[in-house]
């Protein structure tokens, strides 16, 4: 049986690890512990749907110098062995007595000096994918080694995408672009919304998605009030605005953008909001440059909508994108993260149509030195109509 080709070259992964190690040295840490699917995939190329099972913890330890060590359940050894990481230590998991704790502690003893520091991501948009009781056992066992917050180290490295990563995201966006063009094939007046959602996911798989981790949307007269609830069997009706939003995955990389459709002719009020959202997005595409902050971009979008006489709505107006559906930063008034060349972002302005009803418009971009480059195909200026 032929093994699948790696998603990236070993040089790509070594470059990622080297940049993380530079961050460790700057922060005076001696190692980095990674436990989540996205972080482990990022440094090893270990791509699997087996993460859906919460029964086993997985660990990758990155020393300040040298190659990573994978401390993983034995069931993952064959897949991890197909990648570039060579130091793979396994145990038969799940083990209710010692579920990798001793192996992990031994690796930390080897990599971290007695008075050294181990970095663990522990800030916003992180989580610890191991039992808290086992984490406390590790902390006690490796004393006097210190635990430090490594959130910024991981985020600053991961938020800048290589050309190879950008190409992956663009491929996933193209899959969604093709499916959005097909929506009139399976969405029509009288068709239940839940069936439209199912057909949308089927079409994404047909067009080349590996899986569809996220489908959201809604439908309602002159706009929608909720875009995260499961779809119901309510039939689409004349005057509805249908929105579909997807986080499809190809080769481990997400797209995340939506499209709106009018069932019949849209009202003048809806068209006014659509025009303002389109113009606000155009303004962001024209003016965004490296060096602005996430808050600056948020203000650009909200000020444009307010200038059009609309009330901005829908929460944050975009976010980072990559190997998770949403990454940092968040386009909000409070996020002062500098926007840098190589970041992949969503532009996601929303505005009220009426009380409890709104429209959201979303695109995916990469920030280049001279401004944004669209990764998703630009939505049409006029709402597509479905008979």
Protein backbone atom coordinates (compact mmCIF):
# COMPACT_ATOMS: atom_id res chain seq x y z
CA UNK A 1 0.00 0.00 0.00
CA UNK A 2 1.36 3.42 -0.96
CA UNK A 3 1.68 5.97 1.81
CA UNK A 4 0.07 9.36 1.09
CA UNK A 5 2.38 12.17 0.05
CA UNK A 6 3.12 14.68 2.84
CA UNK A 7 1.10 17.88 2.67
CA UNK A 8 4.27 20.00 2.95
CA UNK A 9 8.00 19.49 2.71
CA UNK A 10 10.03 18.74 5.82
CA UNK A 11 11.68 22.14 5.28
CA UNK A 12 8.27 23.81 5.73
CA UNK A 13 7.76 22.09 9.08
CA UNK A 14 11.33 22.73 10.20
CA UNK A 15 10.84 26.40 9.44
CA UNK A 16 7.73 26.50 11.62
CA UNK A 17 9.52 24.80 14.49
CA UNK A 18 12.53 27.09 14.10
CA UNK A 19 10.31 30.18 14.39
CA UNK A 20 8.65 28.74 17.50
CA UNK A 21 12.10 28.07 18.96
CA UNK A 22 13.14 31.65 18.25
CA UNK A 23 10.11 32.75 20.27
CA UNK A 24 11.04 30.39 23.10
CA UNK A 25 14.54 31.80 23.31
CA UNK A 26 13.29 35.39 23.28
CA UNK A 27 10.85 34.58 26.10
CA UNK A 28 13.53 32.62 27.99
CA UNK A 29 11.66 29.34 27.84
CA UNK A 30 13.33 25.98 27.35
CA UNK A 31 10.56 24.06 25.68
CA UNK A 32 6.98 24.15 24.39
CA UNK A 33 4.21 21.63 25.09
CA UNK A 34 1.49 21.28 22.46
CA UNK A 35 -1.65 19.21 23.04
CA UNK A 36 -4.33 20.37 20.58
CA UNK A 37 -5.13 18.99 17.11
CA UNK A 38 -4.34 22.24 15.29
CA UNK A 39 -1.00 22.89 17.02
CA UNK A 40 0.17 19.29 16.61
CA UNK A 41 -0.88 19.25 12.95
CA UNK A 42 0.92 22.55 12.41
CA UNK A 43 4.33 21.27 13.52
CA UNK A 44 4.10 17.61 12.48
CA UNK A 45 1.63 17.27 9.58
CA UNK A 46 -0.32 14.72 11.64
CA UNK A 47 -3.77 15.02 10.01
CA UNK A 48 -6.55 12.72 11.19
CA UNK A 49 -10.24 12.75 12.09
CA UNK A 50 -9.39 10.53 15.05
CA UNK A 51 -9.32 13.67 17.20
CA UNK A 52 -13.11 13.35 17.35
CA UNK A 53 -12.52 10.72 20.03
CA UNK A 54 -11.75 12.40 23.38
CA UNK A 55 -10.51 9.16 24.94
CA UNK A 56 -6.77 9.77 24.47
CA UNK A 57 -4.39 12.70 25.08
CA UNK A 58 -1.65 13.53 22.54
CA UNK A 59 1.54 15.49 23.19
CA UNK A 60 4.29 17.12 21.16
CA UNK A 61 7.24 18.61 23.03
CA UNK A 62 9.42 21.16 21.22
CA UNK A 63 12.76 21.82 22.97
CA UNK A 64 14.42 25.21 22.60
CA UNK A 65 16.96 23.48 20.34
CA UNK A 66 16.62 20.25 18.40
CA UNK A 67 13.72 18.36 16.90
CA UNK A 68 10.25 17.83 18.37
CA UNK A 69 9.33 14.73 20.34
CA UNK A 70 5.92 13.15 19.77
CA UNK A 71 4.51 11.39 22.84
CA UNK A 72 1.36 9.77 21.51
CA UNK A 73 -0.95 6.76 21.85
CA UNK A 74 0.35 3.71 20.01
CA UNK A 75 -2.61 3.79 17.61
CA UNK A 76 -1.13 6.94 16.04
CA UNK A 77 2.43 5.69 15.56
CA UNK A 78 2.02 4.57 11.94
CA UNK A 79 0.53 7.87 10.79
CA UNK A 80 3.00 10.01 12.75
CA UNK A 81 5.80 7.88 11.32
CA UNK A 82 4.85 8.95 7.79
CA UNK A 83 5.91 12.51 8.59
CA UNK A 84 9.16 14.21 9.37
CA UNK A 85 9.20 13.74 13.18
CA UNK A 86 11.41 10.77 14.03
CA UNK A 87 11.39 10.71 17.86
CA UNK A 88 8.00 9.06 18.48
CA UNK A 89 7.30 7.60 21.91
CA UNK A 90 4.11 5.66 22.47
CA UNK A 91 2.00 3.95 25.10
CA UNK A 92 -1.06 1.73 24.93
CA UNK A 93 -3.90 4.17 25.47
CA UNK A 94 -6.23 4.79 27.09
CA UNK A 95 -4.48 3.82 30.33
CA UNK A 96 -6.49 4.70 33.45
CA UNK A 97 -3.37 4.49 35.64
CA UNK A 98 -0.76 6.33 33.57
CA UNK A 99 -2.11 7.80 30.32
CA UNK A 100 1.20 9.04 28.94
CA UNK A 101 2.11 11.00 32.07
CA UNK A 102 5.37 9.16 32.77
CA UNK A 103 6.48 9.27 29.15
CA UNK A 104 5.77 12.98 28.95
CA UNK A 105 7.54 13.70 32.23
CA UNK A 106 10.60 11.76 31.08
CA UNK A 107 10.72 13.78 27.85
CA UNK A 108 10.45 17.03 29.80
CA UNK A 109 13.28 15.94 32.10
CA UNK A 110 15.47 15.40 29.01
CA UNK A 111 14.59 18.69 27.31
CA UNK A 112 14.16 21.18 30.15
CA UNK A 113 16.94 21.93 32.64
CA UNK A 114 16.09 21.64 36.34
CA UNK A 115 15.69 25.39 36.77
CA UNK A 116 14.22 25.92 33.31
CA UNK A 117 10.78 26.85 32.04
CA UNK A 118 8.22 24.94 29.97
CA UNK A 119 5.86 26.98 27.79
CA UNK A 120 2.20 25.98 27.55
CA UNK A 121 -0.43 27.96 25.58
CA UNK A 122 -2.95 29.12 28.18
CA UNK A 123 -4.51 32.35 26.89
CA UNK A 124 -7.48 33.27 24.71
CA UNK A 125 -8.35 30.76 21.98
CA UNK A 126 -6.32 27.98 23.59
CA UNK A 127 -7.27 24.94 25.59
CA UNK A 128 -5.50 22.06 27.28
CA UNK A 129 -6.45 18.77 25.66
CA UNK A 130 -5.55 16.48 28.51
CA UNK A 131 -7.16 15.69 31.86
CA UNK A 132 -6.61 18.48 34.38
CA UNK A 133 -5.66 15.89 37.00
CA UNK A 134 -2.89 14.55 34.74
CA UNK A 135 -1.69 18.09 34.01
CA UNK A 136 -1.38 18.75 37.73
CA UNK A 137 0.57 15.50 38.11
CA UNK A 138 2.97 16.66 35.38
CA UNK A 139 3.42 20.08 37.00
CA UNK A 140 4.19 18.47 40.37
CA UNK A 141 6.50 15.85 38.91
CA UNK A 142 8.71 18.24 36.93
CA UNK A 143 9.29 20.76 39.75
CA UNK A 144 11.28 22.98 40.20
CA UNK A 145 10.82 23.55 36.47
CA UNK A 146 8.40 26.43 35.89
CA UNK A 147 5.34 26.62 33.63
CA UNK A 148 4.98 29.80 31.57
CA UNK A 149 2.30 31.08 29.19
CA UNK A 150 3.37 30.49 25.58
CA UNK A 151 0.20 31.76 23.90
CA UNK A 152 1.87 34.69 22.16
CA UNK A 153 4.73 32.52 20.86
CA UNK A 154 2.36 30.13 19.10
CA UNK A 155 -0.03 32.79 17.86
CA UNK A 156 2.61 35.10 16.40
CA UNK A 157 4.09 32.21 14.41
CA UNK A 158 0.85 30.57 13.28
CA UNK A 159 -0.86 33.80 12.22
CA UNK A 160 1.61 34.36 9.36
CA UNK A 161 0.90 31.87 6.58
CA UNK A 162 3.53 30.62 4.15
CA UNK A 163 2.84 30.68 0.42
CA UNK A 164 2.21 26.94 0.61
CA UNK A 165 -0.41 27.42 3.31
CA UNK A 166 -2.08 30.26 1.42
CA UNK A 167 -2.32 28.02 -1.63
CA UNK A 168 -4.09 25.37 0.48
CA UNK A 169 -6.61 27.91 1.80
CA UNK A 170 -7.21 29.28 -1.69
CA UNK A 171 -7.94 25.76 -2.94
CA UNK A 172 -10.52 25.27 -0.19
CA UNK A 173 -12.08 28.66 -1.00
CA UNK A 174 -12.37 27.63 -4.66
CA UNK A 175 -14.31 24.52 -3.62
CA UNK A 176 -16.82 26.68 -1.74
CA UNK A 177 -16.97 29.17 -4.63
CA UNK A 178 -18.06 26.39 -6.98
CA UNK A 179 -20.72 25.19 -4.56
CA UNK A 180 -22.14 28.67 -3.91
CA UNK A 181 -22.62 28.96 -7.68
CA UNK A 182 -24.65 25.72 -7.52
CA UNK A 183 -27.01 26.80 -4.72
CA UNK A 184 -29.90 27.57 -7.13
CA UNK A 185 -29.77 23.88 -8.14
CA UNK A 186 -31.03 22.79 -4.70
CA UNK A 187 -32.54 25.90 -3.09
CA UNK A 188 -35.93 27.09 -4.27
CA UNK A 189 -39.18 28.53 -3.01
CA UNK A 190 -40.95 25.85 -0.97
CA UNK A 191 -37.85 23.74 -0.29
CA UNK A 192 -37.21 23.02 3.42
CA UNK A 193 -34.18 24.81 4.83
CA UNK A 194 -32.79 21.67 6.48
CA UNK A 195 -32.74 19.90 3.12
CA UNK A 196 -30.90 22.86 1.57
CA UNK A 197 -28.28 22.54 4.31
CA UNK A 198 -27.86 18.81 3.62
CA UNK A 199 -27.56 19.34 -0.13
CA UNK A 200 -25.07 22.15 0.47
CA UNK A 201 -22.82 19.82 2.44
CA UNK A 202 -23.15 17.07 -0.17
CA UNK A 203 -22.17 19.52 -2.90
CA UNK A 204 -19.08 20.61 -0.94
CA UNK A 205 -17.93 17.00 -0.75
CA UNK A 206 -18.69 16.48 -4.43
CA UNK A 207 -16.57 19.50 -5.34
CA UNK A 208 -13.55 18.21 -3.41
CA UNK A 209 -13.83 19.02 0.29
CA UNK A 210 -12.32 16.35 2.54
CA UNK A 211 -14.95 17.09 5.18
CA UNK A 212 -17.38 19.83 6.15
CA UNK A 213 -16.78 20.79 9.74
CA UNK A 214 -19.06 23.78 9.74
CA UNK A 215 -22.24 24.79 7.99
CA UNK A 216 -24.31 27.68 9.28
CA UNK A 217 -26.87 30.06 7.94
CA UNK A 218 -30.48 31.02 8.12
CA UNK A 219 -33.45 32.30 6.21
CA UNK A 220 -36.18 34.80 6.94
CA UNK A 221 -38.31 37.55 5.50
CA UNK A 222 -36.04 40.52 4.66
CA UNK A 223 -33.14 39.03 6.63
CA UNK A 224 -32.32 36.53 9.33
CA UNK A 225 -32.05 36.82 13.08
CA UNK A 226 -30.00 33.73 13.91
CA UNK A 227 -27.23 32.03 11.95
CA UNK A 228 -25.97 29.41 14.39
CA UNK A 229 -29.08 27.32 15.13
CA UNK A 230 -29.65 23.99 13.36
CA UNK A 231 -31.76 24.34 10.23
CA UNK A 232 -35.44 23.54 10.54
CA UNK A 233 -37.91 22.08 8.05
CA UNK A 234 -39.45 25.51 7.42
CA UNK A 235 -39.87 25.91 3.65
CA UNK A 236 -38.20 28.81 1.90
CA UNK A 237 -40.74 31.49 0.98
CA UNK A 238 -40.94 34.42 -1.40
CA UNK A 239 -39.31 37.44 0.25
CA UNK A 240 -36.85 35.32 2.26
CA UNK A 241 -33.15 36.06 2.35
CA UNK A 242 -31.22 32.79 2.46
CA UNK A 243 -27.68 32.82 3.88
CA UNK A 244 -25.28 29.87 3.75
CA UNK A 245 -21.88 29.90 5.47
CA UNK A 246 -19.29 27.15 5.37
CA UNK A 247 -16.06 26.08 6.96
CA UNK A 248 -15.18 23.29 4.56
CA UNK A 249 -11.76 21.60 4.86
CA UNK A 250 -9.25 20.45 2.27
CA UNK A 251 -5.81 19.12 3.32
CA UNK A 252 -6.42 20.39 6.84
CA UNK A 253 -7.08 24.02 5.84
CA UNK A 254 -10.41 25.84 6.16
CA UNK A 255 -12.30 28.36 4.16
CA UNK A 256 -14.91 30.47 5.95
CA UNK A 257 -17.24 32.73 4.01
CA UNK A 258 -20.93 33.13 3.31
CA UNK A 259 -23.26 34.07 0.48
CA UNK A 260 -26.76 35.58 0.53
CA UNK A 261 -29.60 34.81 -1.87
CA UNK A 262 -33.00 36.42 -2.34
CA UNK A 263 -36.03 34.21 -2.86
CA UNK A 264 -37.68 36.34 -5.49
CA UNK A 265 -36.92 40.03 -5.75
CA UNK A 266 -35.38 41.61 -2.63
CA UNK A 267 -37.10 44.53 -0.97
CA UNK A 268 -35.64 48.02 -1.35
CA UNK A 269 -34.63 47.92 2.33
CA UNK A 270 -32.68 44.69 1.87
CA UNK A 271 -31.02 46.02 -1.27
CA UNK A 272 -29.96 49.16 0.61
CA UNK A 273 -28.26 47.07 3.30
CA UNK A 274 -26.68 44.83 0.67
CA UNK A 275 -25.27 47.88 -1.14
CA UNK A 276 -23.82 49.27 2.09
CA UNK A 277 -22.19 45.99 3.08
CA UNK A 278 -20.68 45.65 -0.37
CA UNK A 279 -19.35 49.22 -0.28
CA UNK A 280 -17.92 48.78 3.23
CA UNK A 281 -16.10 45.64 2.08
CA UNK A 282 -14.80 47.48 -0.99
CA UNK A 283 -13.44 50.21 1.27
CA UNK A 284 -11.64 47.66 3.44
CA UNK A 285 -10.17 46.00 0.35
CA UNK A 286 -8.93 49.38 -0.89
CA UNK A 287 -7.48 50.75 2.35
CA UNK A 288 -6.26 47.81 4.45
CA UNK A 289 -2.48 47.71 4.79
CA UNK A 290 0.05 45.96 7.05
CA UNK A 291 0.61 47.96 10.22
CA UNK A 292 -3.06 48.66 10.85
CA UNK A 293 -4.60 46.90 13.83
CA UNK A 294 -7.58 44.59 14.00
CA UNK A 295 -9.44 47.45 15.71
CA UNK A 296 -8.53 49.81 12.85
CA UNK A 297 -10.06 47.42 10.31
CA UNK A 298 -13.16 46.98 12.48
CA UNK A 299 -13.56 50.75 12.67
CA UNK A 300 -13.18 51.08 8.89
CA UNK A 301 -16.09 48.69 8.38
CA UNK A 302 -18.36 50.05 11.12
CA UNK A 303 -17.78 53.69 10.19
CA UNK A 304 -18.65 52.93 6.56
CA UNK A 305 -21.91 51.32 7.60
CA UNK A 306 -22.81 54.15 9.96
CA UNK A 307 -22.05 56.67 7.20
CA UNK A 308 -24.65 54.84 5.10
CA UNK A 309 -27.18 55.31 7.88
CA UNK A 310 -27.10 51.70 9.07
CA UNK A 311 -26.63 50.08 12.46
CA UNK A 312 -23.68 47.64 12.47
CA UNK A 313 -24.53 44.25 13.94
CA UNK A 314 -23.52 40.62 14.19
CA UNK A 315 -20.64 40.89 16.69
CA UNK A 316 -17.05 40.85 15.46
CA UNK A 317 -16.47 41.79 11.83
CA UNK A 318 -13.98 39.08 10.94
CA UNK A 319 -11.11 36.98 12.25
CA UNK A 320 -8.06 34.96 11.35
CA UNK A 321 -8.37 31.78 9.30
CA UNK A 322 -6.22 28.73 8.67
CA UNK A 323 -6.00 25.29 10.23
CA UNK A 324 -8.92 26.14 12.48
CA UNK A 325 -12.19 27.68 11.34
CA UNK A 326 -11.52 30.82 13.34
CA UNK A 327 -8.14 32.03 14.48
CA UNK A 328 -6.89 35.20 16.09
CA UNK A 329 -7.16 38.12 15.80
CA UNK A 330 -10.80 39.20 16.11
CA UNK A 331 -11.95 42.28 14.24
CA UNK A 332 -13.42 44.13 17.21
CA UNK A 333 -13.00 47.55 18.76
CA UNK A 334 -10.87 46.05 21.55
CA UNK A 335 -8.41 43.89 19.58
CA UNK A 336 -5.23 45.87 18.93
CA UNK A 337 -3.31 43.01 17.29
CA UNK A 338 -1.13 44.40 14.48
CA UNK A 339 -2.11 43.11 11.05
CA UNK A 340 0.93 41.79 9.24
CA UNK A 341 1.81 40.69 5.75
CA UNK A 342 0.93 37.01 5.30
CA UNK A 343 -2.09 37.00 7.62
CA UNK A 344 -5.19 35.28 6.26
CA UNK A 345 -8.35 37.01 7.47
CA UNK A 346 -12.08 37.11 6.97
CA UNK A 347 -13.90 40.37 6.30
CA UNK A 348 -17.35 39.90 7.83
CA UNK A 349 -19.38 43.09 8.21
CA UNK A 350 -23.00 42.81 9.26
CA UNK A 351 -25.82 45.34 9.54
CA UNK A 352 -29.39 45.46 10.77
CA UNK A 353 -32.19 45.39 8.23
CA UNK A 354 -34.83 45.87 10.92
CA UNK A 355 -35.24 45.01 14.58
CA UNK A 356 -33.97 41.45 15.04
CA UNK A 357 -33.06 41.01 11.35
CA UNK A 358 -29.66 41.51 9.74
CA UNK A 359 -27.44 40.63 6.80
CA UNK A 360 -23.82 39.46 6.97
CA UNK A 361 -21.35 39.60 4.10
CA UNK A 362 -18.08 37.64 4.30
CA UNK A 363 -14.94 37.27 2.19
CA UNK A 364 -11.57 35.57 2.75
CA UNK A 365 -8.36 37.51 2.09
CA UNK A 366 -4.62 37.33 2.54
CA UNK A 367 -2.85 40.54 3.51
CA UNK A 368 0.01 41.34 1.15
CA UNK A 369 2.54 44.17 1.38
CA UNK A 370 0.43 46.38 -0.89
CA UNK A 371 -2.96 45.39 0.50
CA UNK A 372 -5.45 42.52 0.54
CA UNK A 373 -5.71 39.75 -2.02
CA UNK A 374 -9.04 37.96 -2.28
CA UNK A 375 -8.92 34.20 -1.73
CA UNK A 376 -12.67 33.78 -2.13
CA UNK A 377 -14.30 34.89 -5.37
CA UNK A 378 -15.87 38.30 -4.73
CA UNK A 379 -19.59 38.04 -4.04
CA UNK A 380 -21.86 39.66 -6.64
CA UNK A 381 -22.85 43.25 -5.92
CA UNK A 382 -26.53 42.49 -6.44
CA UNK A 383 -28.13 39.70 -4.43
CA UNK A 384 -28.56 36.58 -6.55
CA UNK A 385 -32.24 35.78 -7.01
CA UNK A 386 -33.70 32.32 -6.67
CA UNK A 387 -37.03 31.75 -8.39
